[in-house]
PDB file of N, CA and C in Angstrom:
ATOM      1  N   MET A   1       0.837  -1.185   0.000  1.00  0.00           N
ATOM      2  CA  MET A   1       0.000   0.000   0.000  1.00  0.00           C
ATOM      3  C   MET A   1       0.875   1.238   0.000  1.00  0.00           C
ATOM      4  N   LYS A   2       0.527   2.166  -0.873  1.00  0.00           N
ATOM      5  CA  LYS A   2       1.268   3.418  -0.940  1.00  0.00           C
ATOM      6  C   LYS A   2       0.341   4.576  -0.615  1.00  0.00           C
ATOM      7  N   ILE A   3       0.899   5.555   0.062  1.00  0.00           N
ATOM      8  CA  ILE A   3       0.152   6.780   0.341  1.00  0.00           C
ATOM      9  C   ILE A   3       0.168   7.608  -0.935  1.00  0.00           C
ATOM     10  N   THR A   4      -1.020   7.929  -1.443  1.00  0.00           N
ATOM     11  CA  THR A   4      -1.107   8.685  -2.690  1.00  0.00           C
ATOM     12  C   THR A   4      -1.600  10.118  -2.496  1.00  0.00           C
ATOM     13  N   ASP A   5      -2.111  10.450  -1.304  1.00  0.00           N
ATOM     14  CA  ASP A   5      -2.559  11.818  -1.054  1.00  0.00           C
ATOM     15  C   ASP A   5      -2.674  12.053   0.450  1.00  0.00           C
ATOM     16  N   VAL A   6      -2.346  13.265   0.865  1.00  0.00           N
ATOM     17  CA  VAL A   6      -2.531  13.691   2.251  1.00  0.00           C
ATOM     18  C   VAL A   6      -3.167  15.073   2.207  1.00  0.00           C
ATOM     19  N   ARG A   7      -4.283  15.232   2.898  1.00  0.00           N
ATOM     20  CA  ARG A   7      -4.960  16.531   2.989  1.00  0.00           C
ATOM     21  C   ARG A   7      -5.014  16.940   4.455  1.00  0.00           C
ATOM     22  N   LEU A   8      -4.687  18.191   4.703  1.00  0.00           N
ATOM     23  CA  LEU A   8      -4.627  18.701   6.078  1.00  0.00           C
ATOM     24  C   LEU A   8      -5.630  19.823   6.297  1.00  0.00           C
ATOM     25  N   ARG A   9      -6.135  19.890   7.522  1.00  0.00           N
ATOM     26  CA  ARG A   9      -6.961  21.002   7.979  1.00  0.00           C
ATOM     27  C   ARG A   9      -6.338  21.507   9.273  1.00  0.00           C
ATOM     28  N   GLU A  10      -5.718  22.680   9.195  1.00  0.00           N
ATOM     29  CA  GLU A  10      -5.075  23.239  10.387  1.00  0.00           C
ATOM     30  C   GLU A  10      -6.111  23.642  11.421  1.00  0.00           C
ATOM     31  N   VAL A  11      -5.725  23.524  12.689  1.00  0.00           N
ATOM     32  CA  VAL A  11      -6.588  23.902  13.801  1.00  0.00           C
ATOM     33  C   VAL A  11      -6.165  25.290  14.265  1.00  0.00           C
ATOM     34  N   LYS A  12      -7.120  26.163  14.381  1.00  0.00           N
ATOM     35  CA  LYS A  12      -6.862  27.531  14.862  1.00  0.00           C
ATOM     36  C   LYS A  12      -7.644  27.754  16.144  1.00  0.00           C
ATOM     37  N   GLY A  13      -7.125  28.623  16.986  1.00  0.00           N
ATOM     38  CA  GLY A  13      -7.846  28.954  18.212  1.00  0.00           C
ATOM     39  C   GLY A  13      -7.255  28.260  19.420  1.00  0.00           C
ATOM     40  N   GLU A  14      -8.090  28.087  20.452  1.00  0.00           N
ATOM     41  CA  GLU A  14      -7.605  27.583  21.741  1.00  0.00           C
ATOM     42  C   GLU A  14      -7.096  26.153  21.671  1.00  0.00           C
ATOM     43  N   ASN A  15      -7.621  25.325  20.771  1.00  0.00           N
ATOM     44  CA  ASN A  15      -7.148  23.944  20.653  1.00  0.00           C
ATOM     45  C   ASN A  15      -5.787  23.860  19.976  1.00  0.00           C
ATOM     46  N   GLU A  16      -5.312  24.968  19.421  1.00  0.00           N
ATOM     47  CA  GLU A  16      -4.076  24.976  18.657  1.00  0.00           C
ATOM     48  C   GLU A  16      -2.846  24.668  19.516  1.00  0.00           C
ATOM     49  N   LEU A  17      -2.953  24.768  20.838  1.00  0.00           N
ATOM     50  CA  LEU A  17      -1.784  24.545  21.684  1.00  0.00           C
ATOM     51  C   LEU A  17      -1.179  23.167  21.466  1.00  0.00           C
ATOM     52  N   LYS A  18      -1.982  22.121  21.463  1.00  0.00           N
ATOM     53  CA  LYS A  18      -1.468  20.762  21.268  1.00  0.00           C
ATOM     54  C   LYS A  18      -1.892  20.169  19.933  1.00  0.00           C
ATOM     55  N   LEU A  19      -3.160  20.278  19.588  1.00  0.00           N
ATOM     56  CA  LEU A  19      -3.671  19.754  18.329  1.00  0.00           C
ATOM     57  C   LEU A  19      -3.379  20.767  17.227  1.00  0.00           C
ATOM     58  N   LYS A  20      -2.548  20.386  16.274  1.00  0.00           N
ATOM     59  CA  LYS A  20      -2.119  21.305  15.220  1.00  0.00           C
ATOM     60  C   LYS A  20      -2.947  21.194  13.949  1.00  0.00           C
ATOM     61  N   ALA A  21      -3.360  19.962  13.594  1.00  0.00           N
ATOM     62  CA  ALA A  21      -4.120  19.784  12.356  1.00  0.00           C
ATOM     63  C   ALA A  21      -4.774  18.408  12.334  1.00  0.00           C
ATOM     64  N   TYR A  22      -5.765  18.281  11.463  1.00  0.00           N
ATOM     65  CA  TYR A  22      -6.374  16.987  11.145  1.00  0.00           C
ATOM     66  C   TYR A  22      -5.863  16.583   9.768  1.00  0.00           C
ATOM     67  N   ALA A  23      -5.697  15.295   9.557  1.00  0.00           N
ATOM     68  CA  ALA A  23      -5.210  14.803   8.270  1.00  0.00           C
ATOM     69  C   ALA A  23      -6.120  13.702   7.742  1.00  0.00           C
ATOM     70  N   ASP A  24      -6.270  13.672   6.433  1.00  0.00           N
ATOM     71  CA  ASP A  24      -6.929  12.582   5.730  1.00  0.00           C
ATOM     72  C   ASP A  24      -5.868  11.961   4.831  1.00  0.00           C
ATOM     73  N   VAL A  25      -5.684  10.649   4.923  1.00  0.00           N
ATOM     74  CA  VAL A  25      -4.634   9.966   4.175  1.00  0.00           C
ATOM     75  C   VAL A  25      -5.281   8.975   3.206  1.00  0.00           C
ATOM     76  N   THR A  26      -4.908   9.095   1.926  1.00  0.00           N
ATOM     77  CA  THR A  26      -5.424   8.208   0.887  1.00  0.00           C
ATOM     78  C   THR A  26      -4.342   7.198   0.509  1.00  0.00           C
ATOM     79  N   PHE A  27      -4.754   5.943   0.375  1.00  0.00           N
ATOM     80  CA  PHE A  27      -3.854   4.852  -0.011  1.00  0.00           C
ATOM     81  C   PHE A  27      -4.252   4.341  -1.390  1.00  0.00           C
ATOM     82  N   ASP A  28      -3.269   4.192  -2.264  1.00  0.00           N
ATOM     83  CA  ASP A  28      -3.470   3.615  -3.602  1.00  0.00           C
ATOM     84  C   ASP A  28      -4.646   4.233  -4.360  1.00  0.00           C
ATOM     85  N   GLU A  29      -4.916   5.501  -4.087  1.00  0.00           N
ATOM     86  CA  GLU A  29      -5.994   6.250  -4.749  1.00  0.00           C
ATOM     87  C   GLU A  29      -7.363   5.570  -4.647  1.00  0.00           C
ATOM     88  N   CYS A  30      -7.532   4.669  -3.631  1.00  0.00           N
ATOM     89  CA  CYS A  30      -8.824   3.981  -3.540  1.00  0.00           C
ATOM     90  C   CYS A  30      -9.308   3.748  -2.110  1.00  0.00           C
ATOM     91  N   PHE A  31      -8.533   4.153  -1.101  1.00  0.00           N
ATOM     92  CA  PHE A  31      -8.953   3.954   0.293  1.00  0.00           C
ATOM     93  C   PHE A  31      -8.466   5.144   1.099  1.00  0.00           C
ATOM     94  N   VAL A  32      -9.367   5.760   1.873  1.00  0.00           N
ATOM     95  CA  VAL A  32      -8.991   6.943   2.648  1.00  0.00           C
ATOM     96  C   VAL A  32      -9.326   6.746   4.116  1.00  0.00           C
ATOM     97  N   ILE A  33      -8.449   7.271   4.969  1.00  0.00           N
ATOM     98  CA  ILE A  33      -8.695   7.310   6.408  1.00  0.00           C
ATOM     99  C   ILE A  33      -8.793   8.786   6.796  1.00  0.00           C
ATOM    100  N   HIS A  34      -9.936   9.158   7.344  1.00  0.00           N
ATOM    101  CA  HIS A  34     -10.172  10.543   7.769  1.00  0.00           C
ATOM    102  C   HIS A  34      -9.914  10.670   9.272  1.00  0.00           C
ATOM    103  N   GLY A  35      -9.516  11.863   9.686  1.00  0.00           N
ATOM    104  CA  GLY A  35      -9.489  12.183  11.108  1.00  0.00           C
ATOM    105  C   GLY A  35      -8.231  11.844  11.870  1.00  0.00           C
ATOM    106  N   LEU A  36      -7.081  11.648  11.174  1.00  0.00           N
ATOM    107  CA  LEU A  36      -5.829  11.507  11.907  1.00  0.00           C
ATOM    108  C   LEU A  36      -5.522  12.874  12.516  1.00  0.00           C
ATOM    109  N   LYS A  37      -4.843  12.898  13.648  1.00  0.00           N
ATOM    110  CA  LYS A  37      -4.535  14.160  14.322  1.00  0.00           C
ATOM    111  C   LYS A  37      -3.033  14.357  14.395  1.00  0.00           C
ATOM    112  N   ILE A  38      -2.591  15.578  14.101  1.00  0.00           N
ATOM    113  CA  ILE A  38      -1.194  15.951  14.308  1.00  0.00           C
ATOM    114  C   ILE A  38      -1.151  16.677  15.635  1.00  0.00           C
ATOM    115  N   ILE A  39      -0.411  16.083  16.583  1.00  0.00           N
ATOM    116  CA  ILE A  39      -0.387  16.597  17.952  1.00  0.00           C
ATOM    117  C   ILE A  39       1.038  16.959  18.341  1.00  0.00           C
ATOM    118  N   ASP A  40       1.179  18.097  19.002  1.00  0.00           N
ATOM    119  CA  ASP A  40       2.473  18.531  19.530  1.00  0.00           C
ATOM    120  C   ASP A  40       2.554  18.043  20.974  1.00  0.00           C
ATOM    121  N   GLY A  41       3.204  16.895  21.170  1.00  0.00           N
ATOM    122  CA  GLY A  41       3.307  16.286  22.490  1.00  0.00           C
ATOM    123  C   GLY A  41       4.582  16.681  23.211  1.00  0.00           C
ATOM    124  N   GLN A  42       4.773  16.125  24.390  1.00  0.00           N
ATOM    125  CA  GLN A  42       5.946  16.427  25.207  1.00  0.00           C
ATOM    126  C   GLN A  42       7.245  16.000  24.535  1.00  0.00           C
ATOM    127  N   LYS A  43       7.180  14.953  23.688  1.00  0.00           N
ATOM    128  CA  LYS A  43       8.379  14.453  23.007  1.00  0.00           C
ATOM    129  C   LYS A  43       8.416  14.860  21.542  1.00  0.00           C
ATOM    130  N   GLY A  44       7.647  15.864  21.157  1.00  0.00           N
ATOM    131  CA  GLY A  44       7.619  16.332  19.781  1.00  0.00           C
ATOM    132  C   GLY A  44       6.315  15.984  19.087  1.00  0.00           C
ATOM    133  N   MET A  45       6.292  16.235  17.791  1.00  0.00           N
ATOM    134  CA  MET A  45       5.091  16.015  17.000  1.00  0.00           C
ATOM    135  C   MET A  45       4.865  14.523  16.769  1.00  0.00           C
ATOM    136  N   PHE A  46       3.572  14.131  16.782  1.00  0.00           N
ATOM    137  CA  PHE A  46       3.235  12.763  16.431  1.00  0.00           C
ATOM    138  C   PHE A  46       1.858  12.746  15.779  1.00  0.00           C
ATOM    139  N   VAL A  47       1.568  11.634  15.117  1.00  0.00           N
ATOM    140  CA  VAL A  47       0.289  11.467  14.436  1.00  0.00           C
ATOM    141  C   VAL A  47      -0.535  10.454  15.214  1.00  0.00           C
ATOM    142  N   ALA A  48      -1.725  10.860  15.638  1.00  0.00           N
ATOM    143  CA  ALA A  48      -2.635   9.976  16.369  1.00  0.00           C
ATOM    144  C   ALA A  48      -3.694   9.465  15.395  1.00  0.00           C
ATOM    145  N   MET A  49      -3.982   8.202  15.507  1.00  0.00           N
ATOM    146  CA  MET A  49      -5.004   7.585  14.662  1.00  0.00           C
ATOM    147  C   MET A  49      -6.396   8.028  15.116  1.00  0.00           C
ATOM    148  N   PRO A  50      -7.387   7.955  14.235  1.00  0.00           N
ATOM    149  CA  PRO A  50      -8.759   8.289  14.637  1.00  0.00           C
ATOM    150  C   PRO A  50      -9.198   7.385  15.792  1.00  0.00           C
ATOM    151  N   SER A  51      -9.872   7.955  16.770  1.00  0.00           N
ATOM    152  CA  SER A  51     -10.268   7.166  17.943  1.00  0.00           C
ATOM    153  C   SER A  51     -11.693   7.501  18.353  1.00  0.00           C
ATOM    154  N   ARG A  52     -12.221   6.660  19.219  1.00  0.00           N
ATOM    155  CA  ARG A  52     -13.587   6.825  19.721  1.00  0.00           C
ATOM    156  C   ARG A  52     -13.569   6.616  21.230  1.00  0.00           C
ATOM    157  N   LYS A  53     -14.365   7.418  21.934  1.00  0.00           N
ATOM    158  CA  LYS A  53     -14.473   7.268  23.382  1.00  0.00           C
ATOM    159  C   LYS A  53     -15.411   6.099  23.686  1.00  0.00           C
ATOM    160  N   MET A  54     -14.931   5.164  24.477  1.00  0.00           N
ATOM    161  CA  MET A  54     -15.707   3.985  24.833  1.00  0.00           C
ATOM    162  C   MET A  54     -16.550   4.276  26.075  1.00  0.00           C
ATOM    163  N   PRO A  55     -17.538   3.430  26.374  1.00  0.00           N
ATOM    164  CA  PRO A  55     -18.403   3.651  27.548  1.00  0.00           C
ATOM    165  C   PRO A  55     -17.627   3.752  28.863  1.00  0.00           C
ATOM    166  N   ASP A  56     -16.458   3.088  28.930  1.00  0.00           N
ATOM    167  CA  ASP A  56     -15.671   3.150  30.159  1.00  0.00           C
ATOM    168  C   ASP A  56     -14.813   4.418  30.256  1.00  0.00           C
ATOM    169  N   GLY A  57     -14.924   5.315  29.244  1.00  0.00           N
ATOM    170  CA  GLY A  57     -14.185   6.571  29.267  1.00  0.00           C
ATOM    171  C   GLY A  57     -12.842   6.509  28.557  1.00  0.00           C
ATOM    172  N   GLU A  58     -12.395   5.308  28.196  1.00  0.00           N
ATOM    173  CA  GLU A  58     -11.127   5.143  27.488  1.00  0.00           C
ATOM    174  C   GLU A  58     -11.307   5.452  26.011  1.00  0.00           C
ATOM    175  N   TYR A  59     -10.246   5.957  25.385  1.00  0.00           N
ATOM    176  CA  TYR A  59     -10.266   6.167  23.939  1.00  0.00           C
ATOM    177  C   TYR A  59      -9.572   4.993  23.275  1.00  0.00           C
ATOM    178  N   ARG A  60     -10.164   4.501  22.185  1.00  0.00           N
ATOM    179  CA  ARG A  60      -9.572   3.389  21.432  1.00  0.00           C
ATOM    180  C   ARG A  60      -9.502   3.775  19.967  1.00  0.00           C
ATOM    181  N   ASP A  61      -8.391   3.396  19.321  1.00  0.00           N
ATOM    182  CA  ASP A  61      -8.244   3.655  17.893  1.00  0.00           C
ATOM    183  C   ASP A  61      -9.320   2.928  17.109  1.00  0.00           C
ATOM    184  N   ILE A  62      -9.872   3.608  16.122  1.00  0.00           N
ATOM    185  CA  ILE A  62     -10.851   2.998  15.219  1.00  0.00           C
ATOM    186  C   ILE A  62     -10.105   2.206  14.149  1.00  0.00           C
ATOM    187  N   VAL A  63      -9.032   2.787  13.631  1.00  0.00           N
ATOM    188  CA  VAL A  63      -8.146   2.123  12.672  1.00  0.00           C
ATOM    189  C   VAL A  63      -6.716   2.366  13.127  1.00  0.00           C
ATOM    190  N   HIS A  64      -5.831   1.463  12.766  1.00  0.00           N
ATOM    191  CA  HIS A  64      -4.419   1.661  13.087  1.00  0.00           C
ATOM    192  C   HIS A  64      -3.570   0.736  12.231  1.00  0.00           C
ATOM    193  N   PRO A  65      -2.336   1.157  11.940  1.00  0.00           N
ATOM    194  CA  PRO A  65      -1.438   0.290  11.183  1.00  0.00           C
ATOM    195  C   PRO A  65      -1.003  -0.887  12.052  1.00  0.00           C
ATOM    196  N   ILE A  66      -0.824  -2.030  11.423  1.00  0.00           N
ATOM    197  CA  ILE A  66      -0.409  -3.223  12.151  1.00  0.00           C
ATOM    198  C   ILE A  66       1.113  -3.291  12.260  1.00  0.00           C
ATOM    199  N   THR A  67       1.810  -2.805  11.232  1.00  0.00           N
ATOM    200  CA  THR A  67       3.269  -2.894  11.247  1.00  0.00           C
ATOM    201  C   THR A  67       3.894  -1.556  11.638  1.00  0.00           C
ATOM    202  N   PRO A  68       5.030  -1.614  12.314  1.00  0.00           N
ATOM    203  CA  PRO A  68       5.726  -0.371  12.658  1.00  0.00           C
ATOM    204  C   PRO A  68       6.187   0.386  11.407  1.00  0.00           C
ATOM    205  N   GLU A  69       6.471  -0.341  10.339  1.00  0.00           N
ATOM    206  CA  GLU A  69       6.931   0.301   9.105  1.00  0.00           C
ATOM    207  C   GLU A  69       5.832   1.183   8.508  1.00  0.00           C
ATOM    208  N   LEU A  70       4.601   0.689   8.490  1.00  0.00           N
ATOM    209  CA  LEU A  70       3.508   1.495   7.949  1.00  0.00           C
ATOM    210  C   LEU A  70       3.209   2.680   8.865  1.00  0.00           C
ATOM    211  N   ARG A  71       3.275   2.479  10.168  1.00  0.00           N
ATOM    212  CA  ARG A  71       3.064   3.600  11.096  1.00  0.00           C
ATOM    213  C   ARG A  71       4.106   4.696  10.853  1.00  0.00           C
ATOM    214  N   LYS A  72       5.375   4.295  10.657  1.00  0.00           N
ATOM    215  CA  LYS A  72       6.444   5.261  10.404  1.00  0.00           C
ATOM    216  C   LYS A  72       6.211   5.982   9.080  1.00  0.00           C
ATOM    217  N   GLU A  73       5.792   5.239   8.050  1.00  0.00           N
ATOM    218  CA  GLU A  73       5.526   5.858   6.752  1.00  0.00           C
ATOM    219  C   GLU A  73       4.396   6.881   6.849  1.00  0.00           C
ATOM    220  N   ILE A  74       3.334   6.535   7.547  1.00  0.00           N
ATOM    221  CA  ILE A  74       2.210   7.463   7.727  1.00  0.00           C
ATOM    222  C   ILE A  74       2.679   8.701   8.491  1.00  0.00           C
ATOM    223  N   THR A  75       3.363   8.490   9.604  1.00  0.00           N
ATOM    224  CA  THR A  75       3.836   9.612  10.425  1.00  0.00           C
ATOM    225  C   THR A  75       4.772  10.517   9.630  1.00  0.00           C
ATOM    226  N   ASP A  76       5.767   9.929   8.978  1.00  0.00           N
ATOM    227  CA  ASP A  76       6.735  10.730   8.223  1.00  0.00           C
ATOM    228  C   ASP A  76       6.067  11.524   7.105  1.00  0.00           C
ATOM    229  N   THR A  77       5.144  10.891   6.390  1.00  0.00           N
ATOM    230  CA  THR A  77       4.472  11.557   5.268  1.00  0.00           C
ATOM    231  C   THR A  77       3.572  12.688   5.760  1.00  0.00           C
ATOM    232  N   VAL A  78       2.798  12.448   6.805  1.00  0.00           N
ATOM    233  CA  VAL A  78       1.868  13.461   7.314  1.00  0.00           C
ATOM    234  C   VAL A  78       2.636  14.639   7.924  1.00  0.00           C
ATOM    235  N   ILE A  79       3.660  14.364   8.730  1.00  0.00           N
ATOM    236  CA  ILE A  79       4.452  15.455   9.337  1.00  0.00           C
ATOM    237  C   ILE A  79       5.177  16.254   8.260  1.00  0.00           C
ATOM    238  N   SER A  80       5.685  15.576   7.244  1.00  0.00           N
ATOM    239  CA  SER A  80       6.357  16.254   6.137  1.00  0.00           C
ATOM    240  C   SER A  80       5.392  17.198   5.414  1.00  0.00           C
ATOM    241  N   LYS A  81       4.186  16.726   5.158  1.00  0.00           N
ATOM    242  CA  LYS A  81       3.172  17.566   4.517  1.00  0.00           C
ATOM    243  C   LYS A  81       2.819  18.760   5.414  1.00  0.00           C
ATOM    244  N   PHE A  82       2.723  18.532   6.722  1.00  0.00           N
ATOM    245  CA  PHE A  82       2.438  19.608   7.673  1.00  0.00           C
ATOM    246  C   PHE A  82       3.557  20.655   7.641  1.00  0.00           C
ATOM    247  N   ASN A  83       4.810  20.186   7.567  1.00  0.00           N
ATOM    248  CA  ASN A  83       5.947  21.110   7.517  1.00  0.00           C
ATOM    249  C   ASN A  83       5.926  21.975   6.262  1.00  0.00           C
ATOM    250  N   GLU A  84       5.371  21.449   5.164  1.00  0.00           N
ATOM    251  CA  GLU A  84       5.280  22.232   3.933  1.00  0.00           C
ATOM    252  C   GLU A  84       4.369  23.451   4.112  1.00  0.00           C
ATOM    253  N   LEU A  85       3.430  23.377   5.046  1.00  0.00           N
ATOM    254  CA  LEU A  85       2.505  24.488   5.292  1.00  0.00           C
ATOM    255  C   LEU A  85       3.116  25.595   6.129  1.00  0.00           C
ATOM    256  N   LYS A  86       4.153  25.269   6.874  1.00  0.00           N
ATOM    257  CA  LYS A  86       4.752  26.221   7.792  1.00  0.00           C
ATOM    258  C   LYS A  86       5.714  27.149   7.056  1.00  0.00           C
ATOM    259  N   PRO A  87       5.802  28.398   7.478  1.00  0.00           N
ATOM    260  CA  PRO A  87       6.794  29.302   6.880  1.00  0.00           C
ATOM    261  C   PRO A  87       8.197  28.747   7.088  1.00  0.00           C
ATOM    262  N   GLU A  88       9.094  29.085   6.185  1.00  0.00           N
ATOM    263  CA  GLU A  88      10.468  28.594   6.264  1.00  0.00           C
ATOM    264  C   GLU A  88      11.078  28.923   7.624  1.00  0.00           C
ATOM    265  N   GLY A  89      11.783  27.963   8.192  1.00  0.00           N
ATOM    266  CA  GLY A  89      12.411  28.152   9.496  1.00  0.00           C
ATOM    267  C   GLY A  89      11.542  27.701  10.653  1.00  0.00           C
ATOM    268  N   GLU A  90      10.300  27.318  10.390  1.00  0.00           N
ATOM    269  CA  GLU A  90       9.385  26.886  11.450  1.00  0.00           C
ATOM    270  C   GLU A  90       9.099  25.394  11.394  1.00  0.00           C
ATOM    271  N   GLU A  91      10.036  24.624  10.846  1.00  0.00           N
ATOM    272  CA  GLU A  91       9.817  23.180  10.724  1.00  0.00           C
ATOM    273  C   GLU A  91       9.667  22.555  12.101  1.00  0.00           C
ATOM    274  N   VAL A  92       8.778  21.569  12.198  1.00  0.00           N
ATOM    275  CA  VAL A  92       8.556  20.904  13.475  1.00  0.00           C
ATOM    276  C   VAL A  92       9.323  19.595  13.515  1.00  0.00           C
ATOM    277  N   GLU A  93       9.662  19.153  14.727  1.00  0.00           N
ATOM    278  CA  GLU A  93      10.374  17.888  14.896  1.00  0.00           C
ATOM    279  C   GLU A  93       9.388  16.791  15.190  1.00  0.00           C
ATOM    280  N   LYS A  94       9.715  15.580  14.723  1.00  0.00           N
ATOM    281  CA  LYS A  94       8.852  14.430  15.001  1.00  0.00           C
ATOM    282  C   LYS A  94       9.519  13.501  15.958  1.00  0.00           C
TER     283      LYS A  94
END
């Protein structure tokens, strides 16, 4: 599976402190995952998979990559696309 498109929606306002943007990732031009989150965490930027709050109050991923290689590819591609939106010199670390 190859990532063929990434679309971002930047977050503005009070949520901007940690949540930077939402991403939609398309694979092989025929499958899309909506609602990935780009979050500025304590250890740098990371991509969180779409999740749902369960009755017990815990959040669980709705979809997620099974292999570490695919997770790294998704993270690297989404963060790279996010960096393209930032003015020069404002690149974020992952």
